[in-house]
Amino acid sequence: MAKPVPRTVVEGFYKALASCDMAALAPYLDDEVVWTISGPIDILQFCGQRTGKDVVLKLLDRDIPLLLEKRHLVPHAMLVDGDRAAVVGKLMASRRDRGQPISYRIAQFVRFRDEKVVEYISIIDSFDAVEQ
């Protein structure tokens, strides 16, 4: 059985993720992390699956900011069970091309091993996001 992840580790990961602080986030990521964002890749090019710590950090630090700026994640509910965590929240940002505010609901499922993220799955309310 997998070793349980302490809630403080999950909260630290989310604090770093929500603040878009790559230096703080990097220690939480496994070198072979699999990062999946489920959504319409033809409209939101950052959707899809990425593998590897460096690739994920590039996605979060350079690729997503090409489309969205001033990103801010607000977790509404968090459940930690064993080596997994689930979060429901809202992502708020501005479209870089128009400065238009955008927000959408998001559900995230994270698996940890040795207190590092090995799998991240994000499901966005893509209809709401695309409509905006």
N, C-alpha and C. Protein backbone atom coordinates (compact mmCIF):
# COMPACT_ATOMS: atom_id res chain seq x y z
N MET A 1 0.84 -1.19 0.00
CA MET A 1 0.00 0.00 0.00
C MET A 1 0.88 1.26 0.00
N ALA A 2 0.42 2.26 -0.71
CA ALA A 2 1.17 3.51 -0.82
C ALA A 2 1.17 4.25 0.52
N LYS A 3 2.26 4.95 0.76
CA LYS A 3 2.40 5.73 1.98
C LYS A 3 1.49 6.97 1.91
N PRO A 4 0.71 7.24 2.95
CA PRO A 4 -0.17 8.42 2.96
C PRO A 4 0.64 9.72 2.87
N VAL A 5 0.06 10.69 2.21
CA VAL A 5 0.69 12.00 2.11
C VAL A 5 0.13 12.89 3.23
N PRO A 6 0.97 13.57 3.96
CA PRO A 6 0.46 14.48 4.99
C PRO A 6 -0.33 15.64 4.36
N ARG A 7 -1.39 16.03 5.02
CA ARG A 7 -2.20 17.15 4.52
C ARG A 7 -1.36 18.42 4.37
N THR A 8 -0.38 18.61 5.24
CA THR A 8 0.46 19.80 5.15
C THR A 8 1.25 19.83 3.83
N VAL A 9 1.63 18.67 3.32
CA VAL A 9 2.33 18.59 2.03
C VAL A 9 1.38 18.99 0.91
N VAL A 10 0.15 18.47 0.94
CA VAL A 10 -0.85 18.81 -0.08
C VAL A 10 -1.13 20.31 -0.04
N GLU A 11 -1.30 20.85 1.14
CA GLU A 11 -1.57 22.29 1.27
C GLU A 11 -0.38 23.12 0.77
N GLY A 12 0.83 22.67 1.04
CA GLY A 12 2.02 23.37 0.55
C GLY A 12 2.10 23.34 -0.97
N PHE A 13 1.79 22.18 -1.55
CA PHE A 13 1.76 22.06 -3.01
C PHE A 13 0.75 23.04 -3.60
N TYR A 14 -0.45 23.08 -3.03
CA TYR A 14 -1.48 23.97 -3.56
C TYR A 14 -1.16 25.44 -3.34
N LYS A 15 -0.49 25.75 -2.27
CA LYS A 15 -0.09 27.14 -2.04
C LYS A 15 0.89 27.57 -3.13
N ALA A 16 1.86 26.72 -3.44
CA ALA A 16 2.83 27.02 -4.48
C ALA A 16 2.17 27.08 -5.86
N LEU A 17 1.26 26.14 -6.13
CA LEU A 17 0.57 26.11 -7.41
C LEU A 17 -0.31 27.36 -7.58
N ALA A 18 -1.05 27.71 -6.54
CA ALA A 18 -1.96 28.85 -6.60
C ALA A 18 -1.21 30.16 -6.78
N SER A 19 -0.02 30.25 -6.24
CA SER A 19 0.75 31.50 -6.34
C SER A 19 1.58 31.58 -7.61
N CYS A 20 1.58 30.48 -8.39
CA CYS A 20 2.39 30.42 -9.63
C CYS A 20 3.87 30.63 -9.35
N ASP A 21 4.31 30.18 -8.18
CA ASP A 21 5.71 30.31 -7.77
C ASP A 21 6.45 29.01 -8.14
N MET A 22 7.14 29.03 -9.28
CA MET A 22 7.79 27.82 -9.80
C MET A 22 8.91 27.33 -8.89
N ALA A 23 9.63 28.24 -8.25
CA ALA A 23 10.70 27.83 -7.34
C ALA A 23 10.13 27.08 -6.14
N ALA A 24 8.97 27.52 -5.66
CA ALA A 24 8.32 26.85 -4.54
C ALA A 24 7.63 25.56 -4.98
N LEU A 25 7.16 25.52 -6.22
CA LEU A 25 6.43 24.36 -6.73
C LEU A 25 7.36 23.20 -7.09
N ALA A 26 8.50 23.50 -7.66
CA ALA A 26 9.41 22.48 -8.18
C ALA A 26 9.72 21.34 -7.19
N PRO A 27 9.99 21.61 -5.92
CA PRO A 27 10.30 20.51 -5.00
C PRO A 27 9.14 19.55 -4.76
N TYR A 28 7.93 19.96 -5.09
CA TYR A 28 6.76 19.08 -4.90
C TYR A 28 6.55 18.13 -6.08
N LEU A 29 7.25 18.34 -7.19
CA LEU A 29 7.03 17.54 -8.39
C LEU A 29 8.06 16.43 -8.53
N ASP A 30 7.58 15.23 -8.80
CA ASP A 30 8.44 14.10 -9.12
C ASP A 30 9.10 14.36 -10.48
N ASP A 31 10.29 13.85 -10.70
CA ASP A 31 10.98 14.07 -11.97
C ASP A 31 10.18 13.54 -13.16
N GLU A 32 9.36 12.51 -12.94
CA GLU A 32 8.58 11.89 -14.01
C GLU A 32 7.08 12.15 -13.86
N VAL A 33 6.71 13.27 -13.27
CA VAL A 33 5.30 13.59 -13.05
C VAL A 33 4.54 13.57 -14.38
N VAL A 34 3.31 13.06 -14.32
CA VAL A 34 2.41 13.08 -15.48
C VAL A 34 1.32 14.09 -15.16
N TRP A 35 1.21 15.13 -15.98
CA TRP A 35 0.34 16.29 -15.73
C TRP A 35 -0.67 16.36 -16.85
N THR A 36 -1.95 16.20 -16.53
CA THR A 36 -3.00 16.18 -17.54
C THR A 36 -4.02 17.26 -17.25
N ILE A 37 -4.31 18.06 -18.26
CA ILE A 37 -5.37 19.06 -18.17
C ILE A 37 -6.39 18.70 -19.24
N SER A 38 -7.57 18.32 -18.79
CA SER A 38 -8.62 17.90 -19.71
C SER A 38 -9.42 19.12 -20.16
N GLY A 39 -9.42 19.36 -21.45
CA GLY A 39 -10.15 20.49 -22.00
C GLY A 39 -9.95 20.56 -23.50
N PRO A 40 -10.56 21.53 -24.16
CA PRO A 40 -10.49 21.64 -25.62
C PRO A 40 -9.14 22.18 -26.10
N ILE A 41 -8.25 21.28 -26.48
CA ILE A 41 -6.88 21.65 -26.83
C ILE A 41 -6.82 22.59 -28.04
N ASP A 42 -7.82 22.55 -28.92
CA ASP A 42 -7.80 23.43 -30.09
C ASP A 42 -8.06 24.88 -29.71
N ILE A 43 -8.67 25.12 -28.55
CA ILE A 43 -8.96 26.48 -28.08
C ILE A 43 -8.03 26.86 -26.94
N LEU A 44 -7.82 25.93 -26.02
CA LEU A 44 -6.93 26.15 -24.88
C LEU A 44 -5.71 25.25 -25.08
N GLN A 45 -4.70 25.77 -25.76
CA GLN A 45 -3.56 24.96 -26.18
C GLN A 45 -2.76 24.35 -25.04
N PHE A 46 -2.98 24.83 -23.83
CA PHE A 46 -2.25 24.26 -22.69
C PHE A 46 -2.88 22.97 -22.19
N CYS A 47 -4.04 22.60 -22.73
CA CYS A 47 -4.67 21.34 -22.34
C CYS A 47 -3.89 20.17 -22.94
N GLY A 48 -4.10 18.99 -22.39
CA GLY A 48 -3.42 17.80 -22.86
C GLY A 48 -2.55 17.22 -21.76
N GLN A 49 -1.73 16.26 -22.13
CA GLN A 49 -0.88 15.58 -21.15
C GLN A 49 0.59 15.93 -21.36
N ARG A 50 1.28 16.18 -20.27
CA ARG A 50 2.72 16.47 -20.28
C ARG A 50 3.38 15.50 -19.29
N THR A 51 4.60 15.11 -19.59
CA THR A 51 5.34 14.20 -18.71
C THR A 51 6.71 14.79 -18.43
N GLY A 52 7.06 14.80 -17.15
CA GLY A 52 8.37 15.27 -16.72
C GLY A 52 8.30 16.61 -16.03
N LYS A 53 9.07 16.74 -14.98
CA LYS A 53 9.09 17.95 -14.16
C LYS A 53 9.41 19.20 -14.97
N ASP A 54 10.47 19.15 -15.78
CA ASP A 54 10.86 20.33 -16.55
C ASP A 54 9.79 20.74 -17.54
N VAL A 55 9.14 19.78 -18.16
CA VAL A 55 8.08 20.05 -19.13
C VAL A 55 6.88 20.69 -18.43
N VAL A 56 6.53 20.19 -17.26
CA VAL A 56 5.41 20.74 -16.49
C VAL A 56 5.71 22.16 -16.02
N LEU A 57 6.91 22.39 -15.53
CA LEU A 57 7.27 23.74 -15.10
C LEU A 57 7.24 24.72 -16.27
N LYS A 58 7.67 24.28 -17.45
CA LYS A 58 7.59 25.13 -18.65
C LYS A 58 6.13 25.43 -18.99
N LEU A 59 5.28 24.42 -18.91
CA LEU A 59 3.85 24.61 -19.16
C LEU A 59 3.28 25.68 -18.25
N LEU A 60 3.58 25.57 -16.97
CA LEU A 60 3.00 26.48 -15.98
C LEU A 60 3.63 27.88 -16.02
N ASP A 61 4.91 27.93 -16.33
CA ASP A 61 5.63 29.20 -16.26
C ASP A 61 5.66 29.96 -17.59
N ARG A 62 5.56 29.24 -18.71
CA ARG A 62 5.67 29.92 -20.01
C ARG A 62 4.49 29.67 -20.94
N ASP A 63 4.03 28.43 -21.06
CA ASP A 63 2.99 28.11 -22.05
C ASP A 63 1.62 28.66 -21.66
N ILE A 64 1.17 28.39 -20.45
CA ILE A 64 -0.14 28.89 -20.02
C ILE A 64 -0.17 30.42 -20.00
N PRO A 65 0.89 31.09 -19.53
CA PRO A 65 0.88 32.56 -19.54
C PRO A 65 0.79 33.19 -20.93
N LEU A 66 1.06 32.43 -21.99
CA LEU A 66 0.87 32.97 -23.33
C LEU A 66 -0.60 33.27 -23.61
N LEU A 67 -1.48 32.53 -22.95
CA LEU A 67 -2.92 32.70 -23.13
C LEU A 67 -3.57 33.41 -21.95
N LEU A 68 -3.15 33.05 -20.74
CA LEU A 68 -3.77 33.59 -19.53
C LEU A 68 -2.73 34.28 -18.66
N GLU A 69 -3.07 35.45 -18.15
CA GLU A 69 -2.19 36.15 -17.22
C GLU A 69 -2.94 36.40 -15.92
N LYS A 70 -2.21 36.75 -14.89
CA LYS A 70 -2.78 37.01 -13.57
C LYS A 70 -3.62 35.83 -13.08
N ARG A 71 -3.09 34.61 -13.31
CA ARG A 71 -3.80 33.40 -12.88
C ARG A 71 -3.84 33.32 -11.37
N HIS A 72 -4.97 32.86 -10.88
CA HIS A 72 -5.14 32.69 -9.45
C HIS A 72 -6.09 31.53 -9.21
N LEU A 73 -5.64 30.54 -8.50
CA LEU A 73 -6.45 29.37 -8.17
C LEU A 73 -7.01 29.53 -6.77
N VAL A 74 -8.32 29.37 -6.65
CA VAL A 74 -8.97 29.44 -5.34
C VAL A 74 -9.58 28.07 -5.04
N PRO A 75 -8.92 27.26 -4.19
CA PRO A 75 -9.50 25.97 -3.82
C PRO A 75 -10.71 26.17 -2.89
N HIS A 76 -11.82 25.51 -3.22
CA HIS A 76 -13.03 25.62 -2.38
C HIS A 76 -13.16 24.43 -1.42
N ALA A 77 -12.74 23.26 -1.88
CA ALA A 77 -12.84 22.07 -1.03
C ALA A 77 -11.66 21.16 -1.34
N MET A 78 -11.10 20.56 -0.29
CA MET A 78 -9.96 19.66 -0.45
C MET A 78 -10.20 18.39 0.36
N LEU A 79 -9.93 17.27 -0.27
CA LEU A 79 -10.03 15.98 0.40
C LEU A 79 -8.69 15.27 0.23
N VAL A 80 -8.11 14.82 1.33
CA VAL A 80 -6.85 14.08 1.29
C VAL A 80 -7.15 12.69 1.85
N ASP A 81 -6.80 11.66 1.07
CA ASP A 81 -7.06 10.29 1.47
C ASP A 81 -5.90 9.41 0.99
N GLY A 82 -5.15 8.88 1.93
CA GLY A 82 -4.01 8.05 1.56
C GLY A 82 -2.98 8.86 0.81
N ASP A 83 -2.63 8.37 -0.39
CA ASP A 83 -1.62 9.06 -1.21
C ASP A 83 -2.25 9.99 -2.24
N ARG A 84 -3.54 10.29 -2.08
CA ARG A 84 -4.26 11.09 -3.07
C ARG A 84 -4.95 12.30 -2.46
N ALA A 85 -5.15 13.29 -3.32
CA ALA A 85 -5.89 14.47 -2.92
C ALA A 85 -6.82 14.87 -4.05
N ALA A 86 -7.94 15.45 -3.69
CA ALA A 86 -8.90 15.97 -4.67
C ALA A 86 -9.26 17.39 -4.25
N VAL A 87 -9.30 18.28 -5.22
CA VAL A 87 -9.63 19.67 -4.95
C VAL A 87 -10.65 20.14 -5.97
N VAL A 88 -11.64 20.86 -5.48
CA VAL A 88 -12.61 21.54 -6.35
C VAL A 88 -12.41 23.02 -6.08
N GLY A 89 -12.33 23.79 -7.14
CA GLY A 89 -12.10 25.21 -6.95
C GLY A 89 -12.45 26.02 -8.17
N LYS A 90 -11.89 27.21 -8.21
CA LYS A 90 -12.13 28.13 -9.32
C LYS A 90 -10.80 28.72 -9.75
N LEU A 91 -10.59 28.77 -11.06
CA LEU A 91 -9.42 29.42 -11.59
C LEU A 91 -9.87 30.76 -12.17
N MET A 92 -9.17 31.81 -11.80
CA MET A 92 -9.47 33.14 -12.31
C MET A 92 -8.21 33.67 -12.97
N ALA A 93 -8.41 34.36 -14.10
CA ALA A 93 -7.29 34.91 -14.85
C ALA A 93 -7.81 36.00 -15.78
N SER A 94 -6.90 36.52 -16.59
CA SER A 94 -7.26 37.46 -17.65
C SER A 94 -6.70 36.91 -18.95
N ARG A 95 -7.48 37.05 -20.02
CA ARG A 95 -6.97 36.66 -21.33
C ARG A 95 -5.89 37.64 -21.73
N ARG A 96 -4.74 37.14 -22.08
CA ARG A 96 -3.61 37.99 -22.42
C ARG A 96 -3.90 38.86 -23.65
N ASP A 97 -4.60 38.32 -24.63
CA ASP A 97 -4.83 39.07 -25.87
C ASP A 97 -5.80 40.24 -25.72
N ARG A 98 -6.73 40.14 -24.77
CA ARG A 98 -7.73 41.21 -24.62
C ARG A 98 -7.82 41.79 -23.21
N GLY A 99 -7.16 41.16 -22.28
CA GLY A 99 -7.26 41.61 -20.90
C GLY A 99 -8.59 41.28 -20.26
N GLN A 100 -9.41 40.53 -20.95
CA GLN A 100 -10.75 40.15 -20.48
C GLN A 100 -10.65 39.14 -19.34
N PRO A 101 -11.38 39.39 -18.25
CA PRO A 101 -11.38 38.42 -17.14
C PRO A 101 -12.03 37.10 -17.58
N ILE A 102 -11.50 36.03 -17.05
CA ILE A 102 -12.05 34.70 -17.31
C ILE A 102 -11.97 33.91 -16.01
N SER A 103 -12.99 33.14 -15.74
CA SER A 103 -12.97 32.25 -14.58
C SER A 103 -13.76 31.00 -14.91
N TYR A 104 -13.32 29.90 -14.37
CA TYR A 104 -14.04 28.64 -14.59
C TYR A 104 -13.78 27.69 -13.43
N ARG A 105 -14.74 26.79 -13.26
CA ARG A 105 -14.61 25.77 -12.21
C ARG A 105 -13.61 24.72 -12.64
N ILE A 106 -13.00 24.13 -11.64
CA ILE A 106 -11.94 23.17 -11.91
C ILE A 106 -11.96 22.07 -10.83
N ALA A 107 -11.74 20.84 -11.25
CA ALA A 107 -11.59 19.72 -10.31
C ALA A 107 -10.22 19.11 -10.58
N GLN A 108 -9.49 18.85 -9.52
CA GLN A 108 -8.14 18.33 -9.65
C GLN A 108 -7.97 17.09 -8.79
N PHE A 109 -7.29 16.11 -9.36
CA PHE A 109 -7.02 14.86 -8.67
C PHE A 109 -5.52 14.62 -8.73
N VAL A 110 -4.91 14.48 -7.56
CA VAL A 110 -3.46 14.42 -7.46
C VAL A 110 -3.04 13.18 -6.70
N ARG A 111 -2.03 12.49 -7.22
CA ARG A 111 -1.47 11.33 -6.53
C ARG A 111 -0.03 11.65 -6.16
N PHE A 112 0.33 11.33 -4.92
CA PHE A 112 1.66 11.60 -4.38
C PHE A 112 2.40 10.29 -4.14
N ARG A 113 3.71 10.36 -4.25
CA ARG A 113 4.59 9.27 -3.83
C ARG A 113 5.80 9.93 -3.19
N ASP A 114 6.11 9.52 -1.98
CA ASP A 114 7.23 10.11 -1.23
C ASP A 114 7.10 11.62 -1.15
N GLU A 115 5.87 12.08 -0.93
CA GLU A 115 5.53 13.50 -0.75
C GLU A 115 5.78 14.35 -1.98
N LYS A 116 5.81 13.71 -3.15
CA LYS A 116 5.95 14.43 -4.42
C LYS A 116 4.78 14.05 -5.33
N VAL A 117 4.37 14.99 -6.16
CA VAL A 117 3.28 14.74 -7.11
C VAL A 117 3.80 13.86 -8.24
N VAL A 118 3.15 12.72 -8.44
CA VAL A 118 3.52 11.83 -9.55
C VAL A 118 2.44 11.84 -10.64
N GLU A 119 1.24 12.25 -10.26
CA GLU A 119 0.15 12.31 -11.24
C GLU A 119 -0.79 13.44 -10.87
N TYR A 120 -1.14 14.26 -11.85
CA TYR A 120 -2.04 15.39 -11.67
C TYR A 120 -3.03 15.36 -12.81
N ILE A 121 -4.30 15.35 -12.48
CA ILE A 121 -5.36 15.39 -13.49
C ILE A 121 -6.27 16.55 -13.15
N SER A 122 -6.44 17.44 -14.10
CA SER A 122 -7.29 18.61 -13.92
C SER A 122 -8.42 18.54 -14.94
N ILE A 123 -9.63 18.67 -14.46
CA ILE A 123 -10.80 18.69 -15.35
C ILE A 123 -11.41 20.07 -15.21
N ILE A 124 -11.40 20.80 -16.32
CA ILE A 124 -11.94 22.16 -16.28
C ILE A 124 -13.35 22.17 -16.84
N ASP A 125 -14.12 23.15 -16.40
CA ASP A 125 -15.44 23.38 -16.96
C ASP A 125 -15.22 24.04 -18.31
N SER A 126 -14.89 23.22 -19.30
CA SER A 126 -14.44 23.74 -20.59
C SER A 126 -15.53 24.51 -21.33
N PHE A 127 -16.78 24.13 -21.16
CA PHE A 127 -17.85 24.88 -21.82
C PHE A 127 -17.87 26.30 -21.31
N ASP A 128 -17.77 26.45 -20.01
CA ASP A 128 -17.75 27.78 -19.40
C ASP A 128 -16.52 28.56 -19.85
N ALA A 129 -15.36 27.90 -19.85
CA ALA A 129 -14.11 28.57 -20.23
C ALA A 129 -14.14 29.04 -21.68
N VAL A 130 -14.60 28.18 -22.59
CA VAL A 130 -14.63 28.51 -24.02
C VAL A 130 -15.67 29.59 -24.28
N GLU A 131 -16.79 29.52 -23.59
CA GLU A 131 -17.84 30.51 -23.77
C GLU A 131 -17.35 31.91 -23.45
N GLN A 132 -16.43 32.02 -22.50
CA GLN A 132 -15.92 33.33 -22.09
C GLN A 132 -14.89 33.83 -23.08
